[in-house]
Amino acid sequence: MAGTLVGLCASVAVYDADVSAQGWLEDRRRAEGIGIRVGDLELHPGIGAEVGYDSNVFLQSDTPESSLIARISP
């Protein structure tokens, strides 16, 4: 297992490629969308959602209680 990991790391370190990981950030309109201008401030409204599962919500060792978790934020 350790030999495979070392081999993988070595091959990634040796491999040289022309990459552009954040090329989409060059144009702010593509990254952030059209904003709403308010004086010197530009607002970009959006919404985010997160869904998860917790197997021990209250961190109890004797009677763990599990639950789905959902969060929506502007």
PDB file of N, CA and C in Angstrom:
ATOM      1  N   MET A   1       0.827  -1.199   0.000  1.00  0.00           N
ATOM      2  CA  MET A   1       0.000   0.000   0.000  1.00  0.00           C
ATOM      3  C   MET A   1       0.860   1.248   0.000  1.00  0.00           C
ATOM      4  N   ALA A   2       1.886   1.276   0.862  1.00  0.00           N
ATOM      5  CA  ALA A   2       2.758   2.449   0.941  1.00  0.00           C
ATOM      6  C   ALA A   2       3.542   2.629  -0.346  1.00  0.00           C
ATOM      7  N   GLY A   3       3.950   1.504  -0.959  1.00  0.00           N
ATOM      8  CA  GLY A   3       4.687   1.576  -2.223  1.00  0.00           C
ATOM      9  C   GLY A   3       3.828   2.154  -3.338  1.00  0.00           C
ATOM     10  N   THR A   4       2.565   1.791  -3.366  1.00  0.00           N
ATOM     11  CA  THR A   4       1.647   2.316  -4.371  1.00  0.00           C
ATOM     12  C   THR A   4       1.450   3.811  -4.188  1.00  0.00           C
ATOM     13  N   LEU A   5       1.314   4.238  -2.951  1.00  0.00           N
ATOM     14  CA  LEU A   5       1.128   5.658  -2.662  1.00  0.00           C
ATOM     15  C   LEU A   5       2.362   6.459  -3.053  1.00  0.00           C
ATOM     16  N   VAL A   6       3.542   5.950  -2.752  1.00  0.00           N
ATOM     17  CA  VAL A   6       4.783   6.634  -3.108  1.00  0.00           C
ATOM     18  C   VAL A   6       4.914   6.706  -4.624  1.00  0.00           C
ATOM     19  N   GLY A   7       4.578   5.617  -5.311  1.00  0.00           N
ATOM     20  CA  GLY A   7       4.636   5.614  -6.774  1.00  0.00           C
ATOM     21  C   GLY A   7       3.676   6.606  -7.387  1.00  0.00           C
ATOM     22  N   LEU A   8       2.490   6.687  -6.843  1.00  0.00           N
ATOM     23  CA  LEU A   8       1.498   7.633  -7.339  1.00  0.00           C
ATOM     24  C   LEU A   8       1.967   9.071  -7.132  1.00  0.00           C
ATOM     25  N   CYS A   9       2.485   9.376  -5.944  1.00  0.00           N
ATOM     26  CA  CYS A   9       2.985  10.725  -5.660  1.00  0.00           C
ATOM     27  C   CYS A   9       4.153  11.077  -6.566  1.00  0.00           C
ATOM     28  N   ALA A  10       5.047  10.120  -6.800  1.00  0.00           N
ATOM     29  CA  ALA A  10       6.198  10.368  -7.657  1.00  0.00           C
ATOM     30  C   ALA A  10       5.762  10.620  -9.094  1.00  0.00           C
ATOM     31  N   SER A  11       4.788   9.864  -9.587  1.00  0.00           N
ATOM     32  CA  SER A  11       4.341  10.063 -10.967  1.00  0.00           C
ATOM     33  C   SER A  11       3.617  11.396 -11.129  1.00  0.00           C
ATOM     34  N   VAL A  12       2.877  11.828 -10.121  1.00  0.00           N
ATOM     35  CA  VAL A  12       2.204  13.121 -10.188  1.00  0.00           C
ATOM     36  C   VAL A  12       3.226  14.252 -10.127  1.00  0.00           C
ATOM     37  N   ALA A  13       4.266  14.098  -9.318  1.00  0.00           N
ATOM     38  CA  ALA A  13       5.290  15.130  -9.188  1.00  0.00           C
ATOM     39  C   ALA A  13       6.107  15.268 -10.462  1.00  0.00           C
ATOM     40  N   VAL A  14       6.325  14.170 -11.181  1.00  0.00           N
ATOM     41  CA  VAL A  14       7.144  14.188 -12.395  1.00  0.00           C
ATOM     42  C   VAL A  14       6.336  14.675 -13.588  1.00  0.00           C
ATOM     43  N   TYR A  15       5.041  14.401 -13.616  1.00  0.00           N
ATOM     44  CA  TYR A  15       4.191  14.749 -14.747  1.00  0.00           C
ATOM     45  C   TYR A  15       4.066  16.264 -14.855  1.00  0.00           C
ATOM     46  N   ASP A  16       4.434  16.803 -16.006  1.00  0.00           N
ATOM     47  CA  ASP A  16       4.391  18.242 -16.224  1.00  0.00           C
ATOM     48  C   ASP A  16       3.371  18.540 -17.309  1.00  0.00           C
ATOM     49  N   ALA A  17       2.360  19.274 -16.977  1.00  0.00           N
ATOM     50  CA  ALA A  17       1.328  19.608 -17.950  1.00  0.00           C
ATOM     51  C   ALA A  17       0.957  21.072 -17.790  1.00  0.00           C
ATOM     52  N   ASP A  18       0.499  21.638 -18.870  1.00  0.00           N
ATOM     53  CA  ASP A  18       0.032  23.017 -18.837  1.00  0.00           C
ATOM     54  C   ASP A  18      -1.403  23.008 -18.330  1.00  0.00           C
ATOM     55  N   VAL A  19      -1.587  23.436 -17.088  1.00  0.00           N
ATOM     56  CA  VAL A  19      -2.909  23.407 -16.492  1.00  0.00           C
ATOM     57  C   VAL A  19      -3.372  24.819 -16.191  1.00  0.00           C
ATOM     58  N   SER A  20      -4.678  24.978 -16.150  1.00  0.00           N
ATOM     59  CA  SER A  20      -5.288  26.253 -15.818  1.00  0.00           C
ATOM     60  C   SER A  20      -6.462  25.958 -14.888  1.00  0.00           C
ATOM     61  N   ALA A  21      -6.148  25.808 -13.609  1.00  0.00           N
ATOM     62  CA  ALA A  21      -7.153  25.373 -12.653  1.00  0.00           C
ATOM     63  C   ALA A  21      -8.237  26.415 -12.424  1.00  0.00           C
ATOM     64  N   GLN A  22      -7.891  27.688 -12.546  1.00  0.00           N
ATOM     65  CA  GLN A  22      -8.865  28.727 -12.244  1.00  0.00           C
ATOM     66  C   GLN A  22      -9.060  29.657 -13.429  1.00  0.00           C
ATOM     67  N   GLY A  23      -9.068  29.087 -14.623  1.00  0.00           N
ATOM     68  CA  GLY A  23      -9.274  29.880 -15.818  1.00  0.00           C
ATOM     69  C   GLY A  23     -10.629  30.545 -15.860  1.00  0.00           C
ATOM     70  N   TRP A  24     -11.627  29.953 -15.228  1.00  0.00           N
ATOM     71  CA  TRP A  24     -12.971  30.531 -15.241  1.00  0.00           C
ATOM     72  C   TRP A  24     -13.048  31.803 -14.412  1.00  0.00           C
ATOM     73  N   LEU A  25     -12.027  32.092 -13.587  1.00  0.00           N
ATOM     74  CA  LEU A  25     -12.033  33.304 -12.774  1.00  0.00           C
ATOM     75  C   LEU A  25     -11.549  34.536 -13.533  1.00  0.00           C
ATOM     76  N   GLU A  26     -11.054  34.347 -14.763  1.00  0.00           N
ATOM     77  CA  GLU A  26     -10.533  35.479 -15.524  1.00  0.00           C
ATOM     78  C   GLU A  26     -11.612  36.512 -15.809  1.00  0.00           C
ATOM     79  N   ASP A  27     -12.794  36.061 -16.154  1.00  0.00           N
ATOM     80  CA  ASP A  27     -13.903  36.956 -16.452  1.00  0.00           C
ATOM     81  C   ASP A  27     -14.870  36.942 -15.275  1.00  0.00           C
ATOM     82  N   ARG A  28     -14.964  38.047 -14.551  1.00  0.00           N
ATOM     83  CA  ARG A  28     -15.805  38.087 -13.350  1.00  0.00           C
ATOM     84  C   ARG A  28     -17.275  37.885 -13.665  1.00  0.00           C
ATOM     85  N   ARG A  29     -17.717  38.289 -14.855  1.00  0.00           N
ATOM     86  CA  ARG A  29     -19.127  38.111 -15.201  1.00  0.00           C
ATOM     87  C   ARG A  29     -19.481  36.635 -15.307  1.00  0.00           C
ATOM     88  N   ARG A  30     -18.546  35.804 -15.771  1.00  0.00           N
ATOM     89  CA  ARG A  30     -18.810  34.368 -15.846  1.00  0.00           C
ATOM     90  C   ARG A  30     -18.772  33.731 -14.468  1.00  0.00           C
ATOM     91  N   ALA A  31     -17.891  34.217 -13.588  1.00  0.00           N
ATOM     92  CA  ALA A  31     -17.734  33.614 -12.260  1.00  0.00           C
ATOM     93  C   ALA A  31     -18.832  34.055 -11.289  1.00  0.00           C
ATOM     94  N   GLU A  32     -19.208  35.335 -11.338  1.00  0.00           N
ATOM     95  CA  GLU A  32     -20.123  35.875 -10.342  1.00  0.00           C
ATOM     96  C   GLU A  32     -21.492  36.237 -10.905  1.00  0.00           C
ATOM     97  N   GLY A  33     -21.623  36.322 -12.199  1.00  0.00           N
ATOM     98  CA  GLY A  33     -22.882  36.737 -12.804  1.00  0.00           C
ATOM     99  C   GLY A  33     -23.022  38.253 -12.800  1.00  0.00           C
ATOM    100  N   ILE A  34     -24.103  38.702 -13.357  1.00  0.00           N
ATOM    101  CA  ILE A  34     -24.363  40.142 -13.415  1.00  0.00           C
ATOM    102  C   ILE A  34     -24.824  40.595 -12.039  1.00  0.00           C
ATOM    103  N   GLY A  35     -24.189  41.616 -11.496  1.00  0.00           N
ATOM    104  CA  GLY A  35     -24.522  42.096 -10.168  1.00  0.00           C
ATOM    105  C   GLY A  35     -25.510  43.244 -10.182  1.00  0.00           C
ATOM    106  N   ILE A  36     -25.978  43.603  -9.002  1.00  0.00           N
ATOM    107  CA  ILE A  36     -26.869  44.751  -8.819  1.00  0.00           C
ATOM    108  C   ILE A  36     -26.033  45.854  -8.206  1.00  0.00           C
ATOM    109  N   ARG A  37     -25.891  46.942  -8.921  1.00  0.00           N
ATOM    110  CA  ARG A  37     -25.034  48.036  -8.491  1.00  0.00           C
ATOM    111  C   ARG A  37     -25.787  48.926  -7.507  1.00  0.00           C
ATOM    112  N   VAL A  38     -25.182  49.170  -6.315  1.00  0.00           N
ATOM    113  CA  VAL A  38     -25.748  50.052  -5.294  1.00  0.00           C
ATOM    114  C   VAL A  38     -24.635  50.998  -4.877  1.00  0.00           C
ATOM    115  N   GLY A  39     -24.533  52.141  -5.556  1.00  0.00           N
ATOM    116  CA  GLY A  39     -23.438  53.071  -5.275  1.00  0.00           C
ATOM    117  C   GLY A  39     -22.110  52.446  -5.658  1.00  0.00           C
ATOM    118  N   ASP A  40     -21.164  52.397  -4.706  1.00  0.00           N
ATOM    119  CA  ASP A  40     -19.871  51.771  -4.950  1.00  0.00           C
ATOM    120  C   ASP A  40     -19.883  50.274  -4.663  1.00  0.00           C
ATOM    121  N   LEU A  41     -21.013  49.753  -4.241  1.00  0.00           N
ATOM    122  CA  LEU A  41     -21.145  48.345  -3.871  1.00  0.00           C
ATOM    123  C   LEU A  41     -21.876  47.581  -4.979  1.00  0.00           C
ATOM    124  N   GLU A  42     -21.399  46.391  -5.290  1.00  0.00           N
ATOM    125  CA  GLU A  42     -22.066  45.542  -6.273  1.00  0.00           C
ATOM    126  C   GLU A  42     -22.503  44.248  -5.590  1.00  0.00           C
ATOM    127  N   LEU A  43     -23.824  43.998  -5.564  1.00  0.00           N
ATOM    128  CA  LEU A  43     -24.384  42.836  -4.896  1.00  0.00           C
ATOM    129  C   LEU A  43     -24.583  41.693  -5.891  1.00  0.00           C
ATOM    130  N   HIS A  44     -24.262  40.492  -5.465  1.00  0.00           N
ATOM    131  CA  HIS A  44     -24.462  39.285  -6.262  1.00  0.00           C
ATOM    132  C   HIS A  44     -25.320  38.320  -5.444  1.00  0.00           C
ATOM    133  N   PRO A  45     -26.648  38.423  -5.543  1.00  0.00           N
ATOM    134  CA  PRO A  45     -27.511  37.561  -4.733  1.00  0.00           C
ATOM    135  C   PRO A  45     -27.383  36.101  -5.167  1.00  0.00           C
ATOM    136  N   GLY A  46     -27.523  35.217  -4.211  1.00  0.00           N
ATOM    137  CA  GLY A  46     -27.453  33.790  -4.497  1.00  0.00           C
ATOM    138  C   GLY A  46     -28.056  32.996  -3.359  1.00  0.00           C
ATOM    139  N   ILE A  47     -28.111  31.689  -3.548  1.00  0.00           N
ATOM    140  CA  ILE A  47     -28.660  30.810  -2.531  1.00  0.00           C
ATOM    141  C   ILE A  47     -27.787  29.559  -2.473  1.00  0.00           C
ATOM    142  N   GLY A  48     -27.620  29.029  -1.282  1.00  0.00           N
ATOM    143  CA  GLY A  48     -26.834  27.816  -1.098  1.00  0.00           C
ATOM    144  C   GLY A  48     -27.610  26.803  -0.284  1.00  0.00           C
ATOM    145  N   ALA A  49     -27.359  25.533  -0.545  1.00  0.00           N
ATOM    146  CA  ALA A  49     -28.040  24.468   0.185  1.00  0.00           C
ATOM    147  C   ALA A  49     -27.036  23.393   0.572  1.00  0.00           C
ATOM    148  N   GLU A  50     -27.254  22.805   1.735  1.00  0.00           N
ATOM    149  CA  GLU A  50     -26.385  21.751   2.246  1.00  0.00           C
ATOM    150  C   GLU A  50     -27.257  20.678   2.886  1.00  0.00           C
ATOM    151  N   VAL A  51     -26.981  19.427   2.546  1.00  0.00           N
ATOM    152  CA  VAL A  51     -27.724  18.306   3.103  1.00  0.00           C
ATOM    153  C   VAL A  51     -26.722  17.307   3.656  1.00  0.00           C
ATOM    154  N   GLY A  52     -27.009  16.761   4.834  1.00  0.00           N
ATOM    155  CA  GLY A  52     -26.096  15.804   5.437  1.00  0.00           C
ATOM    156  C   GLY A  52     -26.806  14.864   6.386  1.00  0.00           C
ATOM    157  N   TYR A  53     -26.013  14.020   7.022  1.00  0.00           N
ATOM    158  CA  TYR A  53     -26.522  13.035   7.973  1.00  0.00           C
ATOM    159  C   TYR A  53     -25.563  12.975   9.143  1.00  0.00           C
ATOM    160  N   ASP A  54     -26.092  13.021  10.341  1.00  0.00           N
ATOM    161  CA  ASP A  54     -25.274  12.915  11.549  1.00  0.00           C
ATOM    162  C   ASP A  54     -25.742  11.696  12.325  1.00  0.00           C
ATOM    163  N   SER A  55     -24.808  10.792  12.636  1.00  0.00           N
ATOM    164  CA  SER A  55     -25.173   9.559  13.322  1.00  0.00           C
ATOM    165  C   SER A  55     -25.269   9.722  14.838  1.00  0.00           C
ATOM    166  N   ASN A  56     -24.784  10.850  15.371  1.00  0.00           N
ATOM    167  CA  ASN A  56     -24.855  11.082  16.811  1.00  0.00           C
ATOM    168  C   ASN A  56     -24.992  12.588  17.042  1.00  0.00           C
ATOM    169  N   VAL A  57     -26.200  13.089  16.915  1.00  0.00           N
ATOM    170  CA  VAL A  57     -26.469  14.527  16.954  1.00  0.00           C
ATOM    171  C   VAL A  57     -26.056  15.158  18.277  1.00  0.00           C
ATOM    172  N   PHE A  58     -26.371  14.520  19.391  1.00  0.00           N
ATOM    173  CA  PHE A  58     -26.132  15.117  20.700  1.00  0.00           C
ATOM    174  C   PHE A  58     -24.845  14.625  21.370  1.00  0.00           C
ATOM    175  N   LEU A  59     -24.001  13.886  20.624  1.00  0.00           N
ATOM    176  CA  LEU A  59     -22.715  13.384  21.119  1.00  0.00           C
ATOM    177  C   LEU A  59     -22.867  12.585  22.418  1.00  0.00           C
ATOM    178  N   GLN A  60     -23.875  11.738  22.466  1.00  0.00           N
ATOM    179  CA  GLN A  60     -24.113  10.893  23.636  1.00  0.00           C
ATOM    180  C   GLN A  60     -23.545   9.500  23.376  1.00  0.00           C
ATOM    181  N   SER A  61     -22.816   8.975  24.335  1.00  0.00           N
ATOM    182  CA  SER A  61     -22.222   7.647  24.158  1.00  0.00           C
ATOM    183  C   SER A  61     -23.198   6.524  24.495  1.00  0.00           C
ATOM    184  N   ASP A  62     -24.166   6.784  25.374  1.00  0.00           N
ATOM    185  CA  ASP A  62     -25.069   5.702  25.782  1.00  0.00           C
ATOM    186  C   ASP A  62     -26.268   5.531  24.847  1.00  0.00           C
ATOM    187  N   THR A  63     -26.892   6.612  24.392  1.00  0.00           N
ATOM    188  CA  THR A  63     -28.045   6.516  23.482  1.00  0.00           C
ATOM    189  C   THR A  63     -27.875   7.501  22.321  1.00  0.00           C
ATOM    190  N   PRO A  64     -27.089   7.144  21.320  1.00  0.00           N
ATOM    191  CA  PRO A  64     -26.910   8.066  20.188  1.00  0.00           C
ATOM    192  C   PRO A  64     -28.198   8.203  19.380  1.00  0.00           C
ATOM    193  N   GLU A  65     -28.459   9.392  18.906  1.00  0.00           N
ATOM    194  CA  GLU A  65     -29.643   9.671  18.109  1.00  0.00           C
ATOM    195  C   GLU A  65     -29.197  10.255  16.780  1.00  0.00           C
ATOM    196  N   SER A  66     -29.627   9.646  15.681  1.00  0.00           N
ATOM    197  CA  SER A  66     -29.210  10.093  14.362  1.00  0.00           C
ATOM    198  C   SER A  66     -30.289  10.962  13.724  1.00  0.00           C
ATOM    199  N   SER A  67     -29.863  11.773  12.736  1.00  0.00           N
ATOM    200  CA  SER A  67     -30.801  12.666  12.100  1.00  0.00           C
ATOM    201  C   SER A  67     -30.252  13.156  10.763  1.00  0.00           C
ATOM    202  N   LEU A  68     -31.170  13.460   9.839  1.00  0.00           N
ATOM    203  CA  LEU A  68     -30.812  14.148   8.616  1.00  0.00           C
ATOM    204  C   LEU A  68     -30.674  15.632   8.929  1.00  0.00           C
ATOM    205  N   ILE A  69     -29.786  16.305   8.230  1.00  0.00           N
ATOM    206  CA  ILE A  69     -29.555  17.722   8.458  1.00  0.00           C
ATOM    207  C   ILE A  69     -29.680  18.449   7.123  1.00  0.00           C
ATOM    208  N   ALA A  70     -30.421  19.531   7.089  1.00  0.00           N
ATOM    209  CA  ALA A  70     -30.569  20.347   5.877  1.00  0.00           C
ATOM    210  C   ALA A  70     -30.427  21.813   6.271  1.00  0.00           C
ATOM    211  N   ARG A  71     -29.699  22.560   5.424  1.00  0.00           N
ATOM    212  CA  ARG A  71     -29.523  23.990   5.681  1.00  0.00           C
ATOM    213  C   ARG A  71     -29.601  24.727   4.361  1.00  0.00           C
ATOM    214  N   ILE A  72     -30.399  25.781   4.301  1.00  0.00           N
ATOM    215  CA  ILE A  72     -30.521  26.634   3.132  1.00  0.00           C
ATOM    216  C   ILE A  72     -30.205  28.048   3.587  1.00  0.00           C
ATOM    217  N   SER A  73     -29.289  28.698   2.863  1.00  0.00           N
ATOM    218  CA  SER A  73     -28.907  30.059   3.271  1.00  0.00           C
ATOM    219  C   SER A  73     -28.792  30.954   2.043  1.00  0.00           C
ATOM    220  N   PRO A  74     -29.162  32.225   2.200  1.00  0.00           N
ATOM    221  CA  PRO A  74     -29.051  33.173   1.085  1.00  0.00           C
ATOM    222  C   PRO A  74     -27.610  33.601   0.887  1.00  0.00           C
TER     223      PRO A  74
END
